[in-house]
Amino acid sequence: MLPTIDEIISNFELLDDWEERYRYVIELGRQMEPLPAEQHVDANKVRGCASQVWLVTTLDESKSEPRLHLVGDSDAHIVRGLTALLIALYNGRTPAEALDVDALGLFKGLGLVEHLTPQRSNGVRAMVERIRRDAQVALTAS
């Protein structure tokens, strides 16, 4: 089970160098809820990522206000960890809350932006755009 986004931010503050943070991001990927094999389909692929990334967003309507539930996967360890970080950031939010999240600001604040290759940065942006689009669709449908 993934830690909360607040726990992740606190843990990042304890890590002194990029190598430790890199290992922590990979560890987050290992803690992520597994994506069922039948979800590894083209419709769930995130376009714009150099690595293969699958992301599934559903709406948990068992709460008084519907909440986003995300699961994902990647074929690259670091990208799987970045996916986990985004899932921790967006999971459990209402669609309206998700649209107000500044994910790229969080990545900057954690010091990740300057350590990601341009391709990985583009992939993160593609994942954020996908989550935001899914949140907008859910908001429009409700």
Protein backbone atom coordinates (compact mmCIF):
# COMPACT_ATOMS: atom_id res chain seq x y z
CA MET A 1 0.00 0.00 0.00
CA LEU A 2 1.27 3.43 -0.92
CA PRO A 3 2.01 6.02 1.73
CA THR A 4 -0.05 9.22 1.64
CA ILE A 5 1.25 12.15 -0.36
CA ASP A 6 2.05 13.96 2.91
CA GLU A 7 4.11 10.98 4.11
CA ILE A 8 5.93 10.89 0.77
CA ILE A 9 6.76 14.61 1.02
CA SER A 10 8.01 14.14 4.61
CA ASN A 11 10.15 11.18 3.54
CA PHE A 12 11.64 13.20 0.68
CA GLU A 13 12.65 15.91 3.15
CA LEU A 14 14.65 13.30 5.10
CA LEU A 15 16.60 12.15 2.04
CA ASP A 16 19.80 14.08 1.47
CA ASP A 17 20.81 13.34 -2.09
CA TRP A 18 19.36 12.47 -5.46
CA GLU A 19 20.49 8.82 -5.31
CA GLU A 20 18.48 8.25 -2.11
CA ARG A 21 15.45 10.00 -3.60
CA TYR A 22 15.79 7.96 -6.80
CA ARG A 23 15.80 4.71 -4.78
CA TYR A 24 12.80 5.92 -2.79
CA VAL A 25 10.82 6.67 -5.97
CA ILE A 26 11.59 3.15 -7.23
CA GLU A 27 10.45 1.75 -3.87
CA LEU A 28 7.15 3.66 -4.20
CA GLY A 29 6.61 1.87 -7.50
CA ARG A 30 7.08 -1.48 -5.77
CA GLN A 31 4.45 -0.56 -3.16
CA MET A 32 1.83 0.36 -5.75
CA GLU A 33 -1.38 -1.65 -6.07
CA PRO A 34 -0.83 -4.10 -8.94
CA LEU A 35 -2.59 -3.40 -12.21
CA PRO A 36 -4.44 -6.54 -13.32
CA ALA A 37 -2.97 -8.09 -16.48
CA GLU A 38 -6.23 -7.59 -18.37
CA GLN A 39 -5.84 -3.81 -17.82
CA HIS A 40 -2.54 -3.75 -19.76
CA VAL A 41 -4.41 -2.81 -22.93
CA ASP A 42 -3.93 -0.12 -25.52
CA ALA A 43 -6.93 1.88 -24.28
CA ASN A 44 -5.22 2.33 -20.88
CA LYS A 45 -1.83 3.34 -22.30
CA VAL A 46 -0.67 6.88 -21.65
CA ARG A 47 0.43 8.53 -24.88
CA GLY A 48 3.53 10.70 -24.76
CA CYS A 49 5.59 8.48 -22.47
CA ALA A 50 8.84 6.97 -23.73
CA SER A 51 8.27 3.97 -21.44
CA GLN A 52 5.05 2.01 -21.51
CA VAL A 53 2.61 3.37 -18.93
CA TRP A 54 -0.90 2.16 -18.24
CA LEU A 55 -3.28 4.19 -16.13
CA VAL A 56 -6.85 3.34 -15.13
CA THR A 57 -9.09 5.90 -13.43
CA THR A 58 -12.41 4.87 -11.95
CA LEU A 59 -14.89 6.76 -9.84
CA ASP A 60 -15.64 5.43 -6.36
CA GLU A 61 -19.25 6.39 -5.89
CA SER A 62 -19.64 4.68 -2.49
CA LYS A 63 -18.73 7.97 -0.75
CA SER A 64 -21.06 10.95 -0.29
CA GLU A 65 -19.00 12.68 -2.99
CA PRO A 66 -17.56 10.49 -5.76
CA ARG A 67 -13.77 10.09 -5.51
CA LEU A 68 -11.12 9.14 -8.04
CA HIS A 69 -9.46 5.75 -7.75
CA LEU A 70 -6.34 5.24 -9.84
CA VAL A 71 -4.19 2.23 -10.58
CA GLY A 72 -1.28 2.12 -12.95
CA ASP A 73 1.83 0.35 -14.10
CA SER A 74 4.95 0.87 -16.19
CA ASP A 75 7.63 -1.31 -17.71
CA ALA A 76 10.36 0.95 -16.24
CA HIS A 77 11.12 0.99 -12.49
CA ILE A 78 11.61 4.74 -12.13
CA VAL A 79 8.54 5.52 -14.24
CA ARG A 80 6.49 3.07 -12.17
CA GLY A 81 7.64 5.03 -9.12
CA LEU A 82 6.70 8.36 -10.70
CA THR A 83 3.30 6.85 -11.53
CA ALA A 84 2.95 5.79 -7.88
CA LEU A 85 3.76 9.33 -6.78
CA LEU A 86 1.00 10.72 -9.01
CA ILE A 87 -1.44 8.08 -7.81
CA ALA A 88 -0.69 9.01 -4.18
CA LEU A 89 -1.29 12.66 -5.10
CA TYR A 90 -4.61 12.17 -6.92
CA ASN A 91 -6.19 9.05 -5.37
CA GLY A 92 -9.21 9.71 -3.20
CA ARG A 93 -9.80 13.25 -4.44
CA THR A 94 -13.04 14.43 -5.93
CA PRO A 95 -12.81 15.22 -9.65
CA ALA A 96 -13.03 18.95 -8.84
CA GLU A 97 -10.19 18.68 -6.30
CA ALA A 98 -8.08 16.75 -8.82
CA LEU A 99 -8.42 19.57 -11.33
CA ASP A 100 -6.98 22.01 -8.75
CA VAL A 101 -3.89 19.89 -7.97
CA ASP A 102 -0.53 21.32 -9.05
CA ALA A 103 1.32 18.07 -9.72
CA LEU A 104 4.17 19.72 -11.62
CA GLY A 105 4.61 22.16 -8.74
CA LEU A 106 4.92 19.19 -6.39
CA PHE A 107 7.56 17.60 -8.63
CA LYS A 108 9.50 20.89 -8.61
CA GLY A 109 9.16 21.16 -4.83
CA LEU A 110 10.48 17.63 -4.35
CA GLY A 111 13.49 18.42 -6.54
CA LEU A 112 12.51 15.84 -9.14
CA VAL A 113 12.15 18.12 -12.16
CA GLU A 114 15.85 18.93 -12.46
CA HIS A 115 16.78 15.24 -12.24
CA LEU A 116 14.38 13.87 -14.83
CA THR A 117 15.34 13.55 -18.46
CA PRO A 118 13.27 15.63 -20.89
CA GLN A 119 11.56 12.39 -22.05
CA ARG A 120 10.59 11.47 -18.47
CA SER A 121 9.39 15.01 -17.79
CA ASN A 122 7.21 14.79 -20.89
CA GLY A 123 5.91 11.43 -19.66
CA VAL A 124 4.99 12.92 -16.27
CA ARG A 125 3.17 15.75 -18.02
CA ALA A 126 1.34 13.20 -20.20
CA MET A 127 0.24 11.25 -17.10
CA VAL A 128 -0.94 14.46 -15.38
CA GLU A 129 -2.88 15.50 -18.50
CA ARG A 130 -4.50 12.06 -18.65
CA ILE A 131 -5.55 12.19 -14.98
CA ARG A 132 -6.89 15.73 -15.42
CA ARG A 133 -8.83 14.68 -18.54
CA ASP A 134 -10.31 11.69 -16.65
CA ALA A 135 -11.26 14.02 -13.76
CA GLN A 136 -12.89 16.48 -16.18
CA VAL A 137 -14.89 13.68 -17.80
CA ALA A 138 -16.03 12.47 -14.35
CA LEU A 139 -16.96 16.00 -13.32
CA THR A 140 -18.93 16.60 -16.52
CA ALA A 141 -20.76 13.28 -16.12
CA SER A 142 -21.88 14.04 -12.55
